[in-house]
């Protein structure tokens, strides 16, 4: 009886997110995560030799619903950023100042998110540049082929029906 009471009073375990692929286009994937649901397009940076950099960095464009419906952009750096080092995203001729901590970067506001996603749709490559903790140059580069389709798939994958 004591065991039954202990089990019945235990708090439920939090649900582990389940990710389902919505599709893959070149080096970009669109995923739907539940519970939520949350949908996003994601890619890993490239190494100089063109292979995938698997140190944990990524670019993520999260779908948003509601009145704004504007996707938001977020990055995880492949190495820790140096304290106070500027974060600059370069897409073609456009440069965007980002904000973040030692491991992540994001647009400062919704207008910058919209401008970045627009530039991604027309660009061929984007590079997030900063300095790492020891002061060496850090440049995470992402090809943009397939990005627009993955962003659209993520937006549609979580659209309210």
N, C-alpha and C. Protein backbone atom coordinates (compact mmCIF):
# COMPACT_ATOMS: atom_id res chain seq x y z
N UNK A 1 0.82 -1.18 0.00
CA UNK A 1 0.00 0.00 0.00
C UNK A 1 0.86 1.25 0.00
N UNK A 2 1.93 1.24 0.74
CA UNK A 2 2.83 2.40 0.76
C UNK A 2 3.43 2.64 -0.61
N UNK A 3 3.83 1.57 -1.29
CA UNK A 3 4.39 1.67 -2.63
C UNK A 3 3.38 2.28 -3.60
N UNK A 4 2.13 1.87 -3.51
CA UNK A 4 1.08 2.40 -4.38
C UNK A 4 0.91 3.89 -4.16
N UNK A 5 0.90 4.33 -2.93
CA UNK A 5 0.77 5.76 -2.63
C UNK A 5 1.96 6.54 -3.15
N UNK A 6 3.14 6.00 -2.99
CA UNK A 6 4.34 6.68 -3.47
C UNK A 6 4.30 6.84 -4.98
N UNK A 7 3.89 5.82 -5.69
CA UNK A 7 3.83 5.90 -7.14
C UNK A 7 2.74 6.85 -7.62
N UNK A 8 1.61 6.86 -6.93
CA UNK A 8 0.52 7.72 -7.37
C UNK A 8 0.78 9.19 -7.08
N UNK A 9 1.64 9.49 -6.11
CA UNK A 9 1.92 10.88 -5.79
C UNK A 9 3.13 11.43 -6.53
N UNK A 10 3.83 10.55 -7.26
CA UNK A 10 5.00 11.01 -8.00
C UNK A 10 4.57 11.93 -9.13
N UNK A 11 5.35 12.96 -9.37
CA UNK A 11 5.06 13.89 -10.47
C UNK A 11 5.32 13.19 -11.79
N UNK A 12 4.53 13.49 -12.81
CA UNK A 12 4.76 12.87 -14.12
C UNK A 12 6.10 13.33 -14.69
N UNK A 13 6.74 12.44 -15.41
CA UNK A 13 8.01 12.79 -16.06
C UNK A 13 7.73 13.74 -17.22
N UNK A 14 8.60 14.72 -17.43
CA UNK A 14 8.39 15.62 -18.57
C UNK A 14 8.51 14.84 -19.88
N UNK A 15 7.70 15.24 -20.85
CA UNK A 15 7.72 14.59 -22.15
C UNK A 15 9.03 14.90 -22.87
N UNK A 16 9.63 13.88 -23.43
CA UNK A 16 10.84 14.06 -24.22
C UNK A 16 10.42 14.53 -25.61
N UNK A 17 11.02 15.61 -26.11
CA UNK A 17 10.63 16.08 -27.44
C UNK A 17 10.93 15.03 -28.50
N UNK A 18 10.00 14.90 -29.43
CA UNK A 18 10.15 13.99 -30.55
C UNK A 18 10.26 14.85 -31.80
N UNK A 19 11.29 14.62 -32.58
CA UNK A 19 11.48 15.39 -33.82
C UNK A 19 11.18 14.51 -35.02
N UNK A 20 10.35 15.03 -35.91
CA UNK A 20 10.00 14.33 -37.14
C UNK A 20 10.48 15.17 -38.32
N UNK A 21 11.16 14.55 -39.28
CA UNK A 21 11.61 15.32 -40.44
C UNK A 21 10.45 15.70 -41.34
N UNK A 22 10.49 16.93 -41.81
CA UNK A 22 9.53 17.41 -42.81
C UNK A 22 10.14 17.36 -44.21
N UNK A 23 11.46 17.28 -44.27
CA UNK A 23 12.16 17.19 -45.55
C UNK A 23 13.58 17.69 -45.42
N UNK A 24 14.38 17.35 -46.44
CA UNK A 24 15.78 17.79 -46.51
C UNK A 24 16.02 18.34 -47.90
N UNK A 25 16.60 19.55 -47.95
CA UNK A 25 16.92 20.20 -49.20
C UNK A 25 18.37 20.64 -49.13
N UNK A 26 19.21 20.01 -49.94
CA UNK A 26 20.65 20.25 -49.92
C UNK A 26 21.17 20.01 -48.50
N UNK A 27 21.69 21.02 -47.84
CA UNK A 27 22.22 20.86 -46.48
C UNK A 27 21.28 21.38 -45.41
N UNK A 28 20.06 21.71 -45.79
CA UNK A 28 19.06 22.23 -44.85
C UNK A 28 17.96 21.21 -44.64
N UNK A 29 17.54 21.06 -43.38
CA UNK A 29 16.44 20.16 -43.04
C UNK A 29 15.34 20.97 -42.36
N UNK A 30 14.10 20.53 -42.55
CA UNK A 30 12.97 21.09 -41.81
C UNK A 30 12.47 20.01 -40.87
N UNK A 31 12.25 20.39 -39.61
CA UNK A 31 11.83 19.44 -38.58
C UNK A 31 10.61 19.96 -37.84
N UNK A 32 9.80 19.03 -37.37
CA UNK A 32 8.66 19.35 -36.51
C UNK A 32 8.91 18.66 -35.18
N UNK A 33 8.85 19.41 -34.10
CA UNK A 33 9.12 18.89 -32.77
C UNK A 33 7.83 18.91 -31.95
N UNK A 34 7.53 17.79 -31.31
CA UNK A 34 6.39 17.72 -30.41
C UNK A 34 6.87 17.22 -29.06
N UNK A 35 6.25 17.55 -27.92
CA UNK A 35 5.05 18.37 -27.88
C UNK A 35 5.37 19.82 -28.24
N UNK A 36 4.38 20.54 -28.58
CA UNK A 36 4.52 21.92 -29.01
C UNK A 36 3.34 22.30 -29.86
N UNK A 37 3.34 22.07 -31.10
CA UNK A 37 4.51 21.71 -31.89
C UNK A 37 5.38 22.92 -32.17
N UNK A 38 6.64 22.64 -32.43
CA UNK A 38 7.59 23.66 -32.87
C UNK A 38 8.21 23.15 -34.17
N UNK A 39 8.36 24.03 -35.13
CA UNK A 39 8.96 23.65 -36.41
C UNK A 39 10.10 24.59 -36.71
N UNK A 40 11.11 24.06 -37.37
CA UNK A 40 12.27 24.88 -37.70
C UNK A 40 13.05 24.29 -38.86
N UNK A 41 13.80 25.15 -39.52
CA UNK A 41 14.77 24.76 -40.55
C UNK A 41 16.13 24.85 -39.89
N UNK A 42 17.01 23.90 -40.18
CA UNK A 42 18.30 23.85 -39.50
C UNK A 42 19.39 23.34 -40.45
N UNK A 43 20.60 23.85 -40.24
CA UNK A 43 21.77 23.40 -41.01
C UNK A 43 23.00 23.49 -40.13
N UNK A 44 24.00 22.69 -40.46
CA UNK A 44 25.30 22.74 -39.78
C UNK A 44 26.29 23.50 -40.66
N UNK A 45 27.27 24.16 -40.05
CA UNK A 45 28.25 24.89 -40.87
C UNK A 45 29.17 23.93 -41.62
N UNK A 46 29.88 24.50 -42.57
CA UNK A 46 30.85 23.74 -43.35
C UNK A 46 32.27 24.00 -42.87
N UNK A 47 33.11 23.00 -43.01
CA UNK A 47 34.55 23.18 -42.79
C UNK A 47 35.15 23.76 -44.07
N UNK A 48 36.38 24.18 -44.01
CA UNK A 48 37.03 24.76 -45.20
C UNK A 48 37.10 23.79 -46.37
N UNK A 49 37.18 22.48 -46.06
CA UNK A 49 37.26 21.49 -47.14
C UNK A 49 35.90 21.13 -47.72
N UNK A 50 34.82 21.76 -47.25
CA UNK A 50 33.48 21.52 -47.77
C UNK A 50 32.71 20.45 -47.02
N UNK A 51 33.34 19.76 -46.08
CA UNK A 51 32.63 18.75 -45.29
C UNK A 51 31.84 19.44 -44.17
N UNK A 52 30.93 18.70 -43.58
CA UNK A 52 30.11 19.23 -42.49
C UNK A 52 30.93 19.35 -41.22
N UNK A 53 30.82 20.50 -40.58
CA UNK A 53 31.49 20.75 -39.30
C UNK A 53 30.60 20.18 -38.20
N UNK A 54 31.05 19.16 -37.53
CA UNK A 54 30.23 18.45 -36.54
C UNK A 54 30.59 18.80 -35.09
N UNK A 55 31.11 20.01 -34.86
CA UNK A 55 31.46 20.40 -33.50
C UNK A 55 30.27 20.93 -32.71
N UNK A 56 29.10 20.91 -33.27
CA UNK A 56 27.91 21.32 -32.53
C UNK A 56 27.30 22.64 -32.97
N UNK A 57 27.91 23.33 -33.91
CA UNK A 57 27.33 24.58 -34.39
C UNK A 57 26.16 24.32 -35.32
N UNK A 58 25.23 25.28 -35.36
CA UNK A 58 24.12 25.18 -36.29
C UNK A 58 23.48 26.55 -36.50
N UNK A 59 22.76 26.66 -37.60
CA UNK A 59 21.89 27.80 -37.87
C UNK A 59 20.47 27.26 -37.83
N UNK A 60 19.58 27.98 -37.16
CA UNK A 60 18.21 27.53 -36.99
C UNK A 60 17.27 28.68 -37.30
N UNK A 61 16.26 28.41 -38.11
CA UNK A 61 15.22 29.39 -38.40
C UNK A 61 13.92 28.79 -37.90
N UNK A 62 13.42 29.34 -36.79
CA UNK A 62 12.21 28.83 -36.15
C UNK A 62 10.98 29.43 -36.79
N UNK A 63 10.01 28.58 -37.09
CA UNK A 63 8.73 29.05 -37.61
C UNK A 63 7.94 29.69 -36.48
N UNK A 64 7.20 30.70 -36.80
CA UNK A 64 6.34 31.35 -35.80
C UNK A 64 4.93 31.42 -36.35
N UNK A 65 3.98 31.29 -35.47
CA UNK A 65 2.58 31.39 -35.85
C UNK A 65 2.00 32.66 -35.24
N UNK A 66 0.75 32.89 -35.48
CA UNK A 66 0.09 34.06 -34.92
C UNK A 66 0.18 35.26 -35.84
N UNK A 67 -0.02 36.43 -35.26
CA UNK A 67 -0.10 37.65 -36.06
C UNK A 67 1.21 37.95 -36.79
N UNK A 68 2.34 37.77 -36.12
CA UNK A 68 3.62 38.13 -36.73
C UNK A 68 4.01 37.16 -37.83
N UNK A 69 3.93 35.85 -37.55
CA UNK A 69 4.30 34.79 -38.48
C UNK A 69 5.70 34.97 -39.07
N UNK A 70 6.49 35.83 -38.51
CA UNK A 70 7.85 36.05 -39.02
C UNK A 70 8.80 35.05 -38.37
N UNK A 71 9.54 34.29 -39.16
CA UNK A 71 10.51 33.35 -38.58
C UNK A 71 11.58 34.08 -37.77
N UNK A 72 12.14 33.39 -36.80
CA UNK A 72 13.24 33.95 -36.02
C UNK A 72 14.51 33.13 -36.27
N UNK A 73 15.64 33.81 -36.23
CA UNK A 73 16.93 33.22 -36.57
C UNK A 73 17.77 33.06 -35.30
N UNK A 74 18.42 31.91 -35.18
CA UNK A 74 19.29 31.66 -34.03
C UNK A 74 20.46 30.80 -34.48
N UNK A 75 21.60 31.01 -33.85
CA UNK A 75 22.81 30.27 -34.18
C UNK A 75 23.43 29.70 -32.91
N UNK A 76 23.99 28.53 -33.01
CA UNK A 76 24.89 27.99 -31.99
C UNK A 76 26.26 28.00 -32.65
N UNK A 77 27.23 28.63 -31.99
CA UNK A 77 28.58 28.74 -32.53
C UNK A 77 29.32 27.41 -32.44
N UNK A 78 30.21 27.16 -33.39
CA UNK A 78 30.98 25.92 -33.38
C UNK A 78 32.07 25.93 -32.30
N UNK A 79 32.46 27.13 -31.85
CA UNK A 79 33.40 27.29 -30.72
C UNK A 79 32.88 28.44 -29.86
N UNK A 80 33.29 28.46 -28.61
CA UNK A 80 32.86 29.54 -27.73
C UNK A 80 33.42 30.88 -28.19
N UNK A 81 32.59 31.90 -28.13
CA UNK A 81 32.94 33.25 -28.52
C UNK A 81 33.71 33.93 -27.39
N UNK A 82 34.63 34.79 -27.77
CA UNK A 82 35.37 35.58 -26.80
C UNK A 82 34.47 36.64 -26.18
N UNK A 83 34.74 36.97 -24.93
CA UNK A 83 33.94 37.97 -24.22
C UNK A 83 33.99 39.31 -24.97
N UNK A 84 32.81 39.84 -25.26
CA UNK A 84 32.72 41.14 -25.90
C UNK A 84 33.01 41.16 -27.40
N UNK A 85 33.36 40.04 -27.99
CA UNK A 85 33.65 40.02 -29.43
C UNK A 85 32.35 40.25 -30.21
N UNK A 86 32.39 41.13 -31.22
CA UNK A 86 31.17 41.39 -31.99
C UNK A 86 30.76 40.14 -32.79
N UNK A 87 29.46 40.01 -33.00
CA UNK A 87 28.89 38.93 -33.81
C UNK A 87 28.34 39.55 -35.09
N UNK A 88 28.88 39.17 -36.24
CA UNK A 88 28.45 39.74 -37.50
C UNK A 88 28.05 38.63 -38.46
N UNK A 89 26.83 38.71 -38.98
CA UNK A 89 26.35 37.77 -39.98
C UNK A 89 26.49 38.45 -41.34
N UNK A 90 27.15 37.78 -42.27
CA UNK A 90 27.36 38.32 -43.61
C UNK A 90 26.64 37.44 -44.62
N UNK A 91 25.75 38.07 -45.40
CA UNK A 91 25.04 37.38 -46.48
C UNK A 91 25.19 38.26 -47.71
N UNK A 92 26.00 37.82 -48.65
CA UNK A 92 26.28 38.65 -49.83
C UNK A 92 26.94 39.95 -49.38
N UNK A 93 26.36 41.06 -49.78
CA UNK A 93 26.88 42.38 -49.41
C UNK A 93 26.29 42.91 -48.10
N UNK A 94 25.34 42.19 -47.55
CA UNK A 94 24.65 42.67 -46.34
C UNK A 94 25.34 42.15 -45.09
N UNK A 95 25.38 43.00 -44.08
CA UNK A 95 25.95 42.66 -42.78
C UNK A 95 24.91 42.94 -41.70
N UNK A 96 24.81 42.00 -40.75
CA UNK A 96 23.85 42.13 -39.66
C UNK A 96 24.59 41.95 -38.35
N UNK A 97 24.41 42.90 -37.43
CA UNK A 97 24.96 42.77 -36.08
C UNK A 97 24.00 41.89 -35.28
N UNK A 98 24.55 40.85 -34.66
CA UNK A 98 23.75 39.95 -33.85
C UNK A 98 24.08 40.14 -32.38
N UNK A 99 23.23 39.60 -31.52
CA UNK A 99 23.46 39.63 -30.08
C UNK A 99 23.54 38.18 -29.60
N UNK A 100 24.14 37.99 -28.42
CA UNK A 100 24.19 36.64 -27.89
C UNK A 100 25.17 36.51 -26.74
N UNK A 101 25.38 35.27 -26.35
CA UNK A 101 26.31 34.98 -25.26
C UNK A 101 27.53 34.28 -25.84
N UNK A 102 28.23 33.51 -25.05
CA UNK A 102 29.43 32.84 -25.51
C UNK A 102 29.20 31.72 -26.49
N UNK A 103 27.99 31.14 -26.48
CA UNK A 103 27.73 29.98 -27.32
C UNK A 103 26.68 30.22 -28.40
N UNK A 104 25.83 31.22 -28.23
CA UNK A 104 24.72 31.43 -29.15
C UNK A 104 24.65 32.86 -29.65
N UNK A 105 23.96 33.02 -30.79
CA UNK A 105 23.76 34.34 -31.38
C UNK A 105 22.35 34.38 -31.96
N UNK A 106 21.78 35.60 -32.01
CA UNK A 106 20.45 35.76 -32.56
C UNK A 106 20.28 37.21 -33.02
N UNK A 107 19.22 37.42 -33.78
CA UNK A 107 18.87 38.79 -34.18
C UNK A 107 18.36 39.54 -32.95
N UNK A 108 18.61 40.82 -32.91
CA UNK A 108 18.21 41.63 -31.76
C UNK A 108 16.71 41.92 -31.73
N UNK A 109 16.05 41.85 -32.89
CA UNK A 109 14.62 42.19 -32.94
C UNK A 109 13.97 41.53 -34.16
N UNK A 110 12.65 41.62 -34.21
CA UNK A 110 11.89 40.98 -35.29
C UNK A 110 12.20 41.58 -36.66
N UNK A 111 12.48 42.88 -36.72
CA UNK A 111 12.81 43.50 -38.01
C UNK A 111 14.11 42.92 -38.57
N UNK A 112 15.08 42.70 -37.70
CA UNK A 112 16.35 42.10 -38.15
C UNK A 112 16.14 40.65 -38.55
N UNK A 113 15.30 39.92 -37.80
CA UNK A 113 14.96 38.54 -38.21
C UNK A 113 14.41 38.53 -39.63
N UNK A 114 13.45 39.41 -39.91
CA UNK A 114 12.84 39.47 -41.24
C UNK A 114 13.87 39.81 -42.31
N UNK A 115 14.75 40.75 -42.02
CA UNK A 115 15.77 41.15 -43.00
C UNK A 115 16.75 40.00 -43.26
N UNK A 116 17.13 39.28 -42.22
CA UNK A 116 18.05 38.15 -42.39
C UNK A 116 17.41 37.05 -43.24
N UNK A 117 16.17 36.69 -42.91
CA UNK A 117 15.49 35.64 -43.68
C UNK A 117 15.33 36.07 -45.13
N UNK A 118 15.01 37.33 -45.37
CA UNK A 118 14.93 37.83 -46.74
C UNK A 118 16.25 37.73 -47.47
N UNK A 119 17.33 38.08 -46.80
CA UNK A 119 18.66 37.99 -47.41
C UNK A 119 19.03 36.52 -47.66
N UNK A 120 18.65 35.63 -46.74
CA UNK A 120 18.93 34.20 -46.93
C UNK A 120 18.24 33.68 -48.18
N UNK A 121 17.03 34.14 -48.44
CA UNK A 121 16.27 33.67 -49.61
C UNK A 121 16.96 34.04 -50.92
N UNK A 122 17.69 35.14 -50.94
CA UNK A 122 18.34 35.58 -52.16
C UNK A 122 19.83 35.32 -52.20
N UNK A 123 20.40 34.80 -51.12
CA UNK A 123 21.84 34.61 -51.04
C UNK A 123 22.29 33.21 -51.40
N UNK A 124 23.59 33.05 -51.52
CA UNK A 124 24.15 31.73 -51.80
C UNK A 124 24.92 31.16 -50.62
N UNK A 125 25.39 32.04 -49.74
CA UNK A 125 26.15 31.59 -48.58
C UNK A 125 26.03 32.65 -47.49
N UNK A 126 26.07 32.22 -46.22
CA UNK A 126 26.11 33.17 -45.12
C UNK A 126 27.20 32.74 -44.15
N UNK A 127 27.84 33.73 -43.55
CA UNK A 127 28.93 33.46 -42.61
C UNK A 127 28.71 34.26 -41.34
N UNK A 128 28.76 33.57 -40.22
CA UNK A 128 28.70 34.21 -38.91
C UNK A 128 30.14 34.36 -38.43
N UNK A 129 30.59 35.60 -38.27
CA UNK A 129 31.99 35.88 -37.93
C UNK A 129 32.10 36.52 -36.56
N UNK A 130 33.11 36.08 -35.80
CA UNK A 130 33.41 36.64 -34.50
C UNK A 130 34.83 36.20 -34.13
N UNK A 131 35.20 36.40 -32.88
CA UNK A 131 36.47 35.90 -32.35
C UNK A 131 36.15 34.87 -31.28
N UNK A 132 36.93 33.78 -31.23
CA UNK A 132 36.69 32.78 -30.20
C UNK A 132 37.35 33.21 -28.89
N UNK A 133 37.21 32.39 -27.85
CA UNK A 133 37.72 32.73 -26.52
C UNK A 133 39.21 33.08 -26.52
N UNK A 134 40.08 32.34 -27.25
CA UNK A 134 41.50 32.72 -27.28
C UNK A 134 41.82 33.91 -28.19
N UNK A 135 40.80 34.44 -28.90
CA UNK A 135 41.01 35.61 -29.76
C UNK A 135 41.27 35.26 -31.22
N UNK A 136 41.10 34.01 -31.60
CA UNK A 136 41.27 33.61 -33.01
C UNK A 136 39.99 33.88 -33.79
N UNK A 137 40.14 34.12 -35.08
CA UNK A 137 38.98 34.33 -35.94
C UNK A 137 38.11 33.08 -35.96
N UNK A 138 36.82 33.29 -35.88
CA UNK A 138 35.84 32.20 -35.95
C UNK A 138 34.83 32.58 -37.02
N UNK A 139 34.68 31.73 -38.02
CA UNK A 139 33.73 31.98 -39.10
C UNK A 139 32.97 30.70 -39.39
N UNK A 140 31.71 30.66 -39.02
CA UNK A 140 30.84 29.52 -39.33
C UNK A 140 30.10 29.86 -40.61
N UNK A 141 30.31 29.04 -41.65
CA UNK A 141 29.77 29.31 -42.98
C UNK A 141 28.71 28.28 -43.34
N UNK A 142 27.60 28.77 -43.88
CA UNK A 142 26.47 27.93 -44.25
C UNK A 142 26.09 28.18 -45.71
N UNK A 143 26.04 27.15 -46.54
CA UNK A 143 25.49 27.34 -47.89
C UNK A 143 23.99 27.55 -47.77
N UNK A 144 23.43 28.35 -48.64
CA UNK A 144 22.00 28.69 -48.53
C UNK A 144 21.13 27.96 -49.56
N UNK A 145 21.71 27.12 -50.39
CA UNK A 145 20.89 26.31 -51.31
C UNK A 145 19.97 25.44 -50.47
N UNK A 146 18.69 25.50 -50.73
CA UNK A 146 17.71 24.72 -49.99
C UNK A 146 17.16 25.40 -48.76
N UNK A 147 17.78 26.49 -48.30
CA UNK A 147 17.33 27.15 -47.07
C UNK A 147 15.91 27.69 -47.20
N UNK A 148 15.60 28.37 -48.30
CA UNK A 148 14.27 28.96 -48.46
C UNK A 148 13.19 27.88 -48.45
N UNK A 149 13.43 26.76 -49.11
CA UNK A 149 12.45 25.68 -49.13
C UNK A 149 12.28 25.07 -47.75
N UNK A 150 13.38 24.89 -47.02
CA UNK A 150 13.31 24.34 -45.66
C UNK A 150 12.56 25.30 -44.73
N UNK A 151 12.81 26.60 -44.86
CA UNK A 151 12.11 27.59 -44.04
C UNK A 151 10.61 27.54 -44.33
N UNK A 152 10.24 27.48 -45.61
CA UNK A 152 8.82 27.41 -45.98
C UNK A 152 8.18 26.12 -45.47
N UNK A 153 8.89 25.01 -45.58
CA UNK A 153 8.37 23.72 -45.10
C UNK A 153 8.16 23.76 -43.58
N UNK A 154 9.07 24.38 -42.86
CA UNK A 154 8.91 24.50 -41.41
C UNK A 154 7.70 25.37 -41.08
N UNK A 155 7.54 26.47 -41.80
CA UNK A 155 6.40 27.35 -41.56
C UNK A 155 5.09 26.60 -41.82
N UNK A 156 5.03 25.85 -42.91
CA UNK A 156 3.82 25.09 -43.24
C UNK A 156 3.62 23.91 -42.30
N UNK A 157 4.72 23.33 -41.81
CA UNK A 157 4.63 22.16 -40.95
C UNK A 157 3.97 22.44 -39.62
N UNK A 158 3.97 23.68 -39.19
CA UNK A 158 3.33 24.04 -37.92
C UNK A 158 2.18 25.02 -38.11
N UNK A 159 1.74 25.20 -39.35
CA UNK A 159 0.64 26.13 -39.61
C UNK A 159 -0.62 25.61 -38.95
N UNK A 160 -1.34 26.51 -38.33
CA UNK A 160 -2.63 26.13 -37.73
C UNK A 160 -3.61 25.85 -38.85
N UNK A 161 -4.30 24.77 -38.70
CA UNK A 161 -5.25 24.39 -39.76
C UNK A 161 -6.65 24.62 -39.31
